[in-house]
Amino acid sequence: MPAEAITASDAIYTRLKESVALEELRDALRMTQQELAQTLQVDQSAVSKLEHRTDMYVSTLRRCIAAMGGQLEIRAVFPQGSVRINQFERFAADE
């Protein structure tokens, strides 16, 4: 990667605890669409489409995050605090 791309990637990575799009997350992890596609066993164009969706299955998002080396966690945030939603974890074990 060119030096300016690495700098941009590092800046995105420092924001990871905030809100980022899947494409920004993948870039911050220094992963190409082609690399992610190989891990997911899909075409690169499928990764591009996935990154631009505004709505998708939780299972699809979980697979994508896992392919990047992470684990999906879903939280509901309220003024009193946040709570982890574990309903989807039960179904993941069945896959």
PDB file of N, CA and C in Angstrom:
ATOM      1  N   MET A   1       0.833  -1.179   0.000  1.00  0.00           N
ATOM      2  CA  MET A   1       0.000   0.000   0.000  1.00  0.00           C
ATOM      3  C   MET A   1       0.884   1.251   0.000  1.00  0.00           C
ATOM      4  N   PRO A   2       0.470   2.270  -0.732  1.00  0.00           N
ATOM      5  CA  PRO A   2       1.204   3.527  -0.678  1.00  0.00           C
ATOM      6  C   PRO A   2       1.116   4.153   0.717  1.00  0.00           C
ATOM      7  N   ALA A   3       2.088   4.995   1.047  1.00  0.00           N
ATOM      8  CA  ALA A   3       2.153   5.607   2.378  1.00  0.00           C
ATOM      9  C   ALA A   3       0.887   6.394   2.714  1.00  0.00           C
ATOM     10  N   GLU A   4       0.344   7.121   1.743  1.00  0.00           N
ATOM     11  CA  GLU A   4      -0.865   7.902   2.023  1.00  0.00           C
ATOM     12  C   GLU A   4      -2.068   6.997   2.284  1.00  0.00           C
ATOM     13  N   ALA A   5      -2.117   5.838   1.638  1.00  0.00           N
ATOM     14  CA  ALA A   5      -3.204   4.889   1.886  1.00  0.00           C
ATOM     15  C   ALA A   5      -3.089   4.303   3.288  1.00  0.00           C
ATOM     16  N   ILE A   6      -1.870   4.029   3.721  1.00  0.00           N
ATOM     17  CA  ILE A   6      -1.644   3.501   5.067  1.00  0.00           C
ATOM     18  C   ILE A   6      -2.043   4.546   6.113  1.00  0.00           C
ATOM     19  N   THR A   7      -1.695   5.802   5.874  1.00  0.00           N
ATOM     20  CA  THR A   7      -2.062   6.880   6.789  1.00  0.00           C
ATOM     21  C   THR A   7      -3.576   7.013   6.888  1.00  0.00           C
ATOM     22  N   ALA A   8      -4.248   6.966   5.741  1.00  0.00           N
ATOM     23  CA  ALA A   8      -5.715   7.048   5.731  1.00  0.00           C
ATOM     24  C   ALA A   8      -6.325   5.856   6.443  1.00  0.00           C
ATOM     25  N   SER A   9      -5.760   4.689   6.209  1.00  0.00           N
ATOM     26  CA  SER A   9      -6.235   3.469   6.857  1.00  0.00           C
ATOM     27  C   SER A   9      -6.064   3.551   8.372  1.00  0.00           C
ATOM     28  N   ASP A  10      -4.936   4.057   8.816  1.00  0.00           N
ATOM     29  CA  ASP A  10      -4.688   4.205  10.251  1.00  0.00           C
ATOM     30  C   ASP A  10      -5.675   5.187  10.887  1.00  0.00           C
ATOM     31  N   ALA A  11      -5.997   6.253  10.173  1.00  0.00           N
ATOM     32  CA  ALA A  11      -6.958   7.234  10.693  1.00  0.00           C
ATOM     33  C   ALA A  11      -8.327   6.597  10.859  1.00  0.00           C
ATOM     34  N   ILE A  12      -8.724   5.789   9.907  1.00  0.00           N
ATOM     35  CA  ILE A  12     -10.013   5.088   9.999  1.00  0.00           C
ATOM     36  C   ILE A  12      -9.981   4.112  11.170  1.00  0.00           C
ATOM     37  N   TYR A  13      -8.877   3.411  11.324  1.00  0.00           N
ATOM     38  CA  TYR A  13      -8.761   2.418  12.387  1.00  0.00           C
ATOM     39  C   TYR A  13      -8.930   3.054  13.770  1.00  0.00           C
ATOM     40  N   THR A  14      -8.415   4.264  13.950  1.00  0.00           N
ATOM     41  CA  THR A  14      -8.549   4.922  15.261  1.00  0.00           C
ATOM     42  C   THR A  14      -9.993   5.279  15.569  1.00  0.00           C
ATOM     43  N   ARG A  15     -10.845   5.347  14.529  1.00  0.00           N
ATOM     44  CA  ARG A  15     -12.269   5.643  14.724  1.00  0.00           C
ATOM     45  C   ARG A  15     -13.103   4.383  14.904  1.00  0.00           C
ATOM     46  N   LEU A  16     -12.502   3.213  14.935  1.00  0.00           N
ATOM     47  CA  LEU A  16     -13.260   1.960  14.973  1.00  0.00           C
ATOM     48  C   LEU A  16     -14.227   1.863  16.142  1.00  0.00           C
ATOM     49  N   LYS A  17     -13.937   2.522  17.226  1.00  0.00           N
ATOM     50  CA  LYS A  17     -14.849   2.460  18.366  1.00  0.00           C
ATOM     51  C   LYS A  17     -16.057   3.348  18.141  1.00  0.00           C
ATOM     52  N   GLU A  18     -16.012   4.118  17.074  1.00  0.00           N
ATOM     53  CA  GLU A  18     -17.148   4.951  16.700  1.00  0.00           C
ATOM     54  C   GLU A  18     -17.960   4.181  15.664  1.00  0.00           C
ATOM     55  N   SER A  19     -18.533   4.886  14.748  1.00  0.00           N
ATOM     56  CA  SER A  19     -19.376   4.290  13.726  1.00  0.00           C
ATOM     57  C   SER A  19     -18.648   4.279  12.393  1.00  0.00           C
ATOM     58  N   VAL A  20     -18.531   3.112  11.778  1.00  0.00           N
ATOM     59  CA  VAL A  20     -17.894   3.009  10.465  1.00  0.00           C
ATOM     60  C   VAL A  20     -18.705   2.095   9.567  1.00  0.00           C
ATOM     61  N   ALA A  21     -18.599   2.327   8.285  1.00  0.00           N
ATOM     62  CA  ALA A  21     -19.228   1.458   7.295  1.00  0.00           C
ATOM     63  C   ALA A  21     -18.345   0.225   7.093  1.00  0.00           C
ATOM     64  N   LEU A  22     -18.928  -0.834   6.554  1.00  0.00           N
ATOM     65  CA  LEU A  22     -18.164  -2.063   6.314  1.00  0.00           C
ATOM     66  C   LEU A  22     -16.933  -1.809   5.441  1.00  0.00           C
ATOM     67  N   GLU A  23     -17.096  -0.985   4.420  1.00  0.00           N
ATOM     68  CA  GLU A  23     -15.970  -0.680   3.531  1.00  0.00           C
ATOM     69  C   GLU A  23     -14.837  -0.002   4.302  1.00  0.00           C
ATOM     70  N   GLU A  24     -15.174   0.938   5.179  1.00  0.00           N
ATOM     71  CA  GLU A  24     -14.161   1.612   5.987  1.00  0.00           C
ATOM     72  C   GLU A  24     -13.490   0.636   6.948  1.00  0.00           C
ATOM     73  N   LEU A  25     -14.271  -0.263   7.515  1.00  0.00           N
ATOM     74  CA  LEU A  25     -13.720  -1.270   8.414  1.00  0.00           C
ATOM     75  C   LEU A  25     -12.730  -2.169   7.678  1.00  0.00           C
ATOM     76  N   ARG A  26     -13.136  -2.642   6.504  1.00  0.00           N
ATOM     77  CA  ARG A  26     -12.255  -3.496   5.705  1.00  0.00           C
ATOM     78  C   ARG A  26     -10.976  -2.755   5.346  1.00  0.00           C
ATOM     79  N   ASP A  27     -11.105  -1.483   4.919  1.00  0.00           N
ATOM     80  CA  ASP A  27      -9.927  -0.678   4.593  1.00  0.00           C
ATOM     81  C   ASP A  27      -9.012  -0.507   5.806  1.00  0.00           C
ATOM     82  N   ALA A  28      -9.605  -0.238   6.966  1.00  0.00           N
ATOM     83  CA  ALA A  28      -8.817  -0.045   8.181  1.00  0.00           C
ATOM     84  C   ALA A  28      -8.053  -1.305   8.556  1.00  0.00           C
ATOM     85  N   LEU A  29      -8.617  -2.440   8.215  1.00  0.00           N
ATOM     86  CA  LEU A  29      -7.950  -3.711   8.501  1.00  0.00           C
ATOM     87  C   LEU A  29      -6.956  -4.092   7.402  1.00  0.00           C
ATOM     88  N   ARG A  30      -6.809  -3.181   6.430  1.00  0.00           N
ATOM     89  CA  ARG A  30      -5.878  -3.361   5.305  1.00  0.00           C
ATOM     90  C   ARG A  30      -6.181  -4.636   4.531  1.00  0.00           C
ATOM     91  N   MET A  31      -7.464  -4.825   4.280  1.00  0.00           N
ATOM     92  CA  MET A  31      -7.928  -5.993   3.529  1.00  0.00           C
ATOM     93  C   MET A  31      -8.584  -5.492   2.254  1.00  0.00           C
ATOM     94  N   THR A  32      -8.285  -6.132   1.135  1.00  0.00           N
ATOM     95  CA  THR A  32      -8.910  -5.748  -0.126  1.00  0.00           C
ATOM     96  C   THR A  32     -10.245  -6.465  -0.285  1.00  0.00           C
ATOM     97  N   GLN A  33     -11.065  -5.957  -1.189  1.00  0.00           N
ATOM     98  CA  GLN A  33     -12.326  -6.638  -1.487  1.00  0.00           C
ATOM     99  C   GLN A  33     -12.043  -8.046  -1.997  1.00  0.00           C
ATOM    100  N   GLN A  34     -10.989  -8.205  -2.792  1.00  0.00           N
ATOM    101  CA  GLN A  34     -10.645  -9.517  -3.343  1.00  0.00           C
ATOM    102  C   GLN A  34     -10.264 -10.495  -2.225  1.00  0.00           C
ATOM    103  N   GLU A  35      -9.501 -10.033  -1.251  1.00  0.00           N
ATOM    104  CA  GLU A  35      -9.118 -10.902  -0.125  1.00  0.00           C
ATOM    105  C   GLU A  35     -10.339 -11.323   0.675  1.00  0.00           C
ATOM    106  N   LEU A  36     -11.231 -10.374   0.937  1.00  0.00           N
ATOM    107  CA  LEU A  36     -12.448 -10.694   1.676  1.00  0.00           C
ATOM    108  C   LEU A  36     -13.314 -11.657   0.871  1.00  0.00           C
ATOM    109  N   ALA A  37     -13.391 -11.438  -0.429  1.00  0.00           N
ATOM    110  CA  ALA A  37     -14.177 -12.319  -1.301  1.00  0.00           C
ATOM    111  C   ALA A  37     -13.640 -13.747  -1.254  1.00  0.00           C
ATOM    112  N   GLN A  38     -12.330 -13.893  -1.270  1.00  0.00           N
ATOM    113  CA  GLN A  38     -11.739 -15.236  -1.201  1.00  0.00           C
ATOM    114  C   GLN A  38     -12.095 -15.923   0.112  1.00  0.00           C
ATOM    115  N   THR A  39     -12.040 -15.193   1.210  1.00  0.00           N
ATOM    116  CA  THR A  39     -12.373 -15.758   2.518  1.00  0.00           C
ATOM    117  C   THR A  39     -13.844 -16.162   2.577  1.00  0.00           C
ATOM    118  N   LEU A  40     -14.709 -15.319   1.992  1.00  0.00           N
ATOM    119  CA  LEU A  40     -16.149 -15.601   1.988  1.00  0.00           C
ATOM    120  C   LEU A  40     -16.559 -16.574   0.882  1.00  0.00           C
ATOM    121  N   GLN A  41     -15.617 -16.878  -0.004  1.00  0.00           N
ATOM    122  CA  GLN A  41     -15.862 -17.770  -1.145  1.00  0.00           C
ATOM    123  C   GLN A  41     -16.965 -17.220  -2.055  1.00  0.00           C
ATOM    124  N   VAL A  42     -16.822 -15.918  -2.377  1.00  0.00           N
ATOM    125  CA  VAL A  42     -17.733 -15.237  -3.300  1.00  0.00           C
ATOM    126  C   VAL A  42     -16.888 -14.415  -4.269  1.00  0.00           C
ATOM    127  N   ASP A  43     -17.533 -13.826  -5.267  1.00  0.00           N
ATOM    128  CA  ASP A  43     -16.843 -12.940  -6.192  1.00  0.00           C
ATOM    129  C   ASP A  43     -16.600 -11.583  -5.540  1.00  0.00           C
ATOM    130  N   GLN A  44     -15.603 -10.866  -6.037  1.00  0.00           N
ATOM    131  CA  GLN A  44     -15.304  -9.526  -5.536  1.00  0.00           C
ATOM    132  C   GLN A  44     -16.503  -8.609  -5.695  1.00  0.00           C
ATOM    133  N   SER A  45     -17.268  -8.784  -6.775  1.00  0.00           N
ATOM    134  CA  SER A  45     -18.439  -7.930  -6.994  1.00  0.00           C
ATOM    135  C   SER A  45     -19.488  -8.128  -5.896  1.00  0.00           C
ATOM    136  N   ALA A  46     -19.565  -9.345  -5.349  1.00  0.00           N
ATOM    137  CA  ALA A  46     -20.509  -9.614  -4.259  1.00  0.00           C
ATOM    138  C   ALA A  46     -20.105  -8.843  -3.003  1.00  0.00           C
ATOM    139  N   VAL A  47     -18.815  -8.709  -2.767  1.00  0.00           N
ATOM    140  CA  VAL A  47     -18.337  -7.935  -1.619  1.00  0.00           C
ATOM    141  C   VAL A  47     -18.676  -6.464  -1.815  1.00  0.00           C
ATOM    142  N   SER A  48     -18.484  -5.968  -3.022  1.00  0.00           N
ATOM    143  CA  SER A  48     -18.827  -4.580  -3.318  1.00  0.00           C
ATOM    144  C   SER A  48     -20.308  -4.313  -3.060  1.00  0.00           C
ATOM    145  N   LYS A  49     -21.154  -5.212  -3.514  1.00  0.00           N
ATOM    146  CA  LYS A  49     -22.593  -5.062  -3.287  1.00  0.00           C
ATOM    147  C   LYS A  49     -22.921  -5.112  -1.798  1.00  0.00           C
ATOM    148  N   LEU A  50     -22.283  -6.026  -1.091  1.00  0.00           N
ATOM    149  CA  LEU A  50     -22.500  -6.165   0.349  1.00  0.00           C
ATOM    150  C   LEU A  50     -22.142  -4.875   1.085  1.00  0.00           C
ATOM    151  N   GLU A  51     -21.030  -4.272   0.700  1.00  0.00           N
ATOM    152  CA  GLU A  51     -20.562  -3.060   1.369  1.00  0.00           C
ATOM    153  C   GLU A  51     -21.478  -1.863   1.121  1.00  0.00           C
ATOM    154  N   HIS A  52     -22.276  -1.924   0.099  1.00  0.00           N
ATOM    155  CA  HIS A  52     -23.150  -0.792  -0.223  1.00  0.00           C
ATOM    156  C   HIS A  52     -24.610  -1.037   0.159  1.00  0.00           C
ATOM    157  N   ARG A  53     -24.904  -2.170   0.761  1.00  0.00           N
ATOM    158  CA  ARG A  53     -26.270  -2.441   1.217  1.00  0.00           C
ATOM    159  C   ARG A  53     -26.589  -1.613   2.448  1.00  0.00           C
ATOM    160  N   THR A  54     -27.850  -1.239   2.561  1.00  0.00           N
ATOM    161  CA  THR A  54     -28.300  -0.551   3.776  1.00  0.00           C
ATOM    162  C   THR A  54     -29.102  -1.486   4.666  1.00  0.00           C
ATOM    163  N   ASP A  55     -29.394  -2.682   4.156  1.00  0.00           N
ATOM    164  CA  ASP A  55     -30.176  -3.659   4.915  1.00  0.00           C
ATOM    165  C   ASP A  55     -29.676  -5.051   4.540  1.00  0.00           C
ATOM    166  N   MET A  56     -29.449  -5.892   5.537  1.00  0.00           N
ATOM    167  CA  MET A  56     -28.996  -7.261   5.265  1.00  0.00           C
ATOM    168  C   MET A  56     -29.341  -8.158   6.449  1.00  0.00           C
ATOM    169  N   TYR A  57     -29.251  -9.447   6.223  1.00  0.00           N
ATOM    170  CA  TYR A  57     -29.473 -10.415   7.296  1.00  0.00           C
ATOM    171  C   TYR A  57     -28.358 -10.312   8.330  1.00  0.00           C
ATOM    172  N   VAL A  58     -28.703 -10.558   9.570  1.00  0.00           N
ATOM    173  CA  VAL A  58     -27.708 -10.584  10.639  1.00  0.00           C
ATOM    174  C   VAL A  58     -26.667 -11.664  10.344  1.00  0.00           C
ATOM    175  N   SER A  59     -27.107 -12.800   9.820  1.00  0.00           N
ATOM    176  CA  SER A  59     -26.180 -13.895   9.508  1.00  0.00           C
ATOM    177  C   SER A  59     -25.165 -13.487   8.442  1.00  0.00           C
ATOM    178  N   THR A  60     -25.594 -12.692   7.477  1.00  0.00           N
ATOM    179  CA  THR A  60     -24.680 -12.216   6.434  1.00  0.00           C
ATOM    180  C   THR A  60     -23.647 -11.278   7.036  1.00  0.00           C
ATOM    181  N   LEU A  61     -24.087 -10.369   7.874  1.00  0.00           N
ATOM    182  CA  LEU A  61     -23.172  -9.444   8.531  1.00  0.00           C
ATOM    183  C   LEU A  61     -22.208 -10.199   9.443  1.00  0.00           C
ATOM    184  N   ARG A  62     -22.713 -11.195  10.166  1.00  0.00           N
ATOM    185  CA  ARG A  62     -21.865 -11.998  11.054  1.00  0.00           C
ATOM    186  C   ARG A  62     -20.762 -12.695  10.257  1.00  0.00           C
ATOM    187  N   ARG A  63     -21.136 -13.289   9.106  1.00  0.00           N
ATOM    188  CA  ARG A  63     -20.154 -13.971   8.252  1.00  0.00           C
ATOM    189  C   ARG A  63     -19.089 -13.007   7.741  1.00  0.00           C
ATOM    190  N   CYS A  64     -19.524 -11.821   7.348  1.00  0.00           N
ATOM    191  CA  CYS A  64     -18.595 -10.816   6.827  1.00  0.00           C
ATOM    192  C   CYS A  64     -17.614 -10.369   7.905  1.00  0.00           C
ATOM    193  N   ILE A  65     -18.120 -10.078   9.081  1.00  0.00           N
ATOM    194  CA  ILE A  65     -17.263  -9.657  10.196  1.00  0.00           C
ATOM    195  C   ILE A  65     -16.299 -10.780  10.576  1.00  0.00           C
ATOM    196  N   ALA A  66     -16.786 -12.008  10.605  1.00  0.00           N
ATOM    197  CA  ALA A  66     -15.921 -13.154  10.925  1.00  0.00           C
ATOM    198  C   ALA A  66     -14.823 -13.310   9.881  1.00  0.00           C
ATOM    199  N   ALA A  67     -15.142 -13.076   8.611  1.00  0.00           N
ATOM    200  CA  ALA A  67     -14.150 -13.183   7.538  1.00  0.00           C
ATOM    201  C   ALA A  67     -13.064 -12.124   7.679  1.00  0.00           C
ATOM    202  N   MET A  68     -13.386 -11.021   8.365  1.00  0.00           N
ATOM    203  CA  MET A  68     -12.390  -9.976   8.622  1.00  0.00           C
ATOM    204  C   MET A  68     -11.643 -10.226   9.928  1.00  0.00           C
ATOM    205  N   GLY A  69     -11.987 -11.309  10.615  1.00  0.00           N
ATOM    206  CA  GLY A  69     -11.292 -11.667  11.849  1.00  0.00           C
ATOM    207  C   GLY A  69     -11.975 -11.194  13.112  1.00  0.00           C
ATOM    208  N   GLY A  70     -13.208 -10.718  12.990  1.00  0.00           N
ATOM    209  CA  GLY A  70     -13.918 -10.196  14.153  1.00  0.00           C
ATOM    210  C   GLY A  70     -15.102 -11.052  14.556  1.00  0.00           C
ATOM    211  N   GLN A  71     -15.839 -10.554  15.499  1.00  0.00           N
ATOM    212  CA  GLN A  71     -17.035 -11.223  15.999  1.00  0.00           C
ATOM    213  C   GLN A  71     -18.129 -10.169  16.125  1.00  0.00           C
ATOM    214  N   LEU A  72     -19.296 -10.441  15.555  1.00  0.00           N
ATOM    215  CA  LEU A  72     -20.400  -9.494  15.600  1.00  0.00           C
ATOM    216  C   LEU A  72     -21.061  -9.520  16.968  1.00  0.00           C
ATOM    217  N   GLU A  73     -21.284  -8.335  17.511  1.00  0.00           N
ATOM    218  CA  GLU A  73     -21.983  -8.183  18.776  1.00  0.00           C
ATOM    219  C   GLU A  73     -23.071  -7.131  18.573  1.00  0.00           C
ATOM    220  N   ILE A  74     -24.292  -7.439  18.959  1.00  0.00           N
ATOM    221  CA  ILE A  74     -25.403  -6.507  18.781  1.00  0.00           C
ATOM    222  C   ILE A  74     -25.837  -5.991  20.144  1.00  0.00           C
ATOM    223  N   ARG A  75     -25.953  -4.670  20.239  1.00  0.00           N
ATOM    224  CA  ARG A  75     -26.336  -4.024  21.497  1.00  0.00           C
ATOM    225  C   ARG A  75     -27.512  -3.092  21.262  1.00  0.00           C
ATOM    226  N   ALA A  76     -28.363  -3.008  22.269  1.00  0.00           N
ATOM    227  CA  ALA A  76     -29.434  -2.016  22.295  1.00  0.00           C
ATOM    228  C   ALA A  76     -28.985  -0.945  23.286  1.00  0.00           C
ATOM    229  N   VAL A  77     -29.021   0.299  22.861  1.00  0.00           N
ATOM    230  CA  VAL A  77     -28.525   1.392  23.693  1.00  0.00           C
ATOM    231  C   VAL A  77     -29.699   2.253  24.150  1.00  0.00           C
ATOM    232  N   PHE A  78     -29.787   2.444  25.452  1.00  0.00           N
ATOM    233  CA  PHE A  78     -30.847   3.232  26.085  1.00  0.00           C
ATOM    234  C   PHE A  78     -30.199   4.316  26.945  1.00  0.00           C
ATOM    235  N   PRO A  79     -30.954   5.334  27.331  1.00  0.00           N
ATOM    236  CA  PRO A  79     -30.380   6.363  28.218  1.00  0.00           C
ATOM    237  C   PRO A  79     -29.829   5.761  29.517  1.00  0.00           C
ATOM    238  N   GLN A  80     -30.446   4.682  29.994  1.00  0.00           N
ATOM    239  CA  GLN A  80     -30.011   4.062  31.249  1.00  0.00           C
ATOM    240  C   GLN A  80     -28.774   3.179  31.067  1.00  0.00           C
ATOM    241  N   GLY A  81     -28.419   2.876  29.840  1.00  0.00           N
ATOM    242  CA  GLY A  81     -27.272   2.012  29.572  1.00  0.00           C
ATOM    243  C   GLY A  81     -27.537   1.136  28.364  1.00  0.00           C
ATOM    244  N   SER A  82     -26.620   0.245  28.089  1.00  0.00           N
ATOM    245  CA  SER A  82     -26.778  -0.644  26.942  1.00  0.00           C
ATOM    246  C   SER A  82     -26.867  -2.091  27.396  1.00  0.00           C
ATOM    247  N   VAL A  83     -27.459  -2.900  26.546  1.00  0.00           N
ATOM    248  CA  VAL A  83     -27.609  -4.323  26.833  1.00  0.00           C
ATOM    249  C   VAL A  83     -27.255  -5.104  25.568  1.00  0.00           C
ATOM    250  N   ARG A  84     -26.522  -6.171  25.753  1.00  0.00           N
ATOM    251  CA  ARG A  84     -26.133  -7.025  24.645  1.00  0.00           C
ATOM    252  C   ARG A  84     -27.298  -7.939  24.282  1.00  0.00           C
ATOM    253  N   ILE A  85     -27.633  -7.989  22.995  1.00  0.00           N
ATOM    254  CA  ILE A  85     -28.701  -8.852  22.507  1.00  0.00           C
ATOM    255  C   ILE A  85     -28.062 -10.181  22.083  1.00  0.00           C
ATOM    256  N   ASN A  86     -28.440 -11.268  22.759  1.00  0.00           N
ATOM    257  CA  ASN A  86     -27.798 -12.557  22.479  1.00  0.00           C
ATOM    258  C   ASN A  86     -28.672 -13.507  21.669  1.00  0.00           C
ATOM    259  N   GLN A  87     -29.851 -13.075  21.302  1.00  0.00           N
ATOM    260  CA  GLN A  87     -30.791 -13.913  20.555  1.00  0.00           C
ATOM    261  C   GLN A  87     -30.157 -14.511  19.299  1.00  0.00           C
ATOM    262  N   PHE A  88     -29.359 -13.718  18.590  1.00  0.00           N
ATOM    263  CA  PHE A  88     -28.780 -14.164  17.326  1.00  0.00           C
ATOM    264  C   PHE A  88     -27.611 -15.126  17.532  1.00  0.00           C
ATOM    265  N   GLU A  89     -26.987 -15.082  18.702  1.00  0.00           N
ATOM    266  CA  GLU A  89     -25.893 -15.989  19.001  1.00  0.00           C
ATOM    267  C   GLU A  89     -26.370 -17.431  19.070  1.00  0.00           C
ATOM    268  N   ARG A  90     -27.583 -17.630  19.575  1.00  0.00           N
ATOM    269  CA  ARG A  90     -28.135 -19.003  19.664  1.00  0.00           C
ATOM    270  C   ARG A  90     -28.284 -19.593  18.282  1.00  0.00           C
ATOM    271  N   PHE A  91     -28.724 -18.774  17.323  1.00  0.00           N
ATOM    272  CA  PHE A  91     -28.924 -19.269  15.967  1.00  0.00           C
ATOM    273  C   PHE A  91     -27.596 -19.488  15.258  1.00  0.00           C
ATOM    274  N   ALA A  92     -26.576 -18.734  15.605  1.00  0.00           N
ATOM    275  CA  ALA A  92     -25.257 -18.890  14.996  1.00  0.00           C
ATOM    276  C   ALA A  92     -24.680 -20.254  15.311  1.00  0.00           C
ATOM    277  N   ALA A  93     -24.939 -20.748  16.496  1.00  0.00           N
ATOM    278  CA  ALA A  93     -24.426 -22.050  16.896  1.00  0.00           C
ATOM    279  C   ALA A  93     -25.047 -23.164  16.058  1.00  0.00           C
ATOM    280  N   ASP A  94     -26.258 -22.936  15.552  1.00  0.00           N
ATOM    281  CA  ASP A  94     -26.936 -23.940  14.748  1.00  0.00           C
ATOM    282  C   ASP A  94     -26.475 -23.988  13.295  1.00  0.00           C
ATOM    283  N   GLU A  95     -25.761 -22.931  12.839  1.00  0.00           N
ATOM    284  CA  GLU A  95     -25.338 -22.863  11.435  1.00  0.00           C
ATOM    285  C   GLU A  95     -24.222 -23.810  11.127  1.00  0.00           C
TER     286      GLU A  95
END
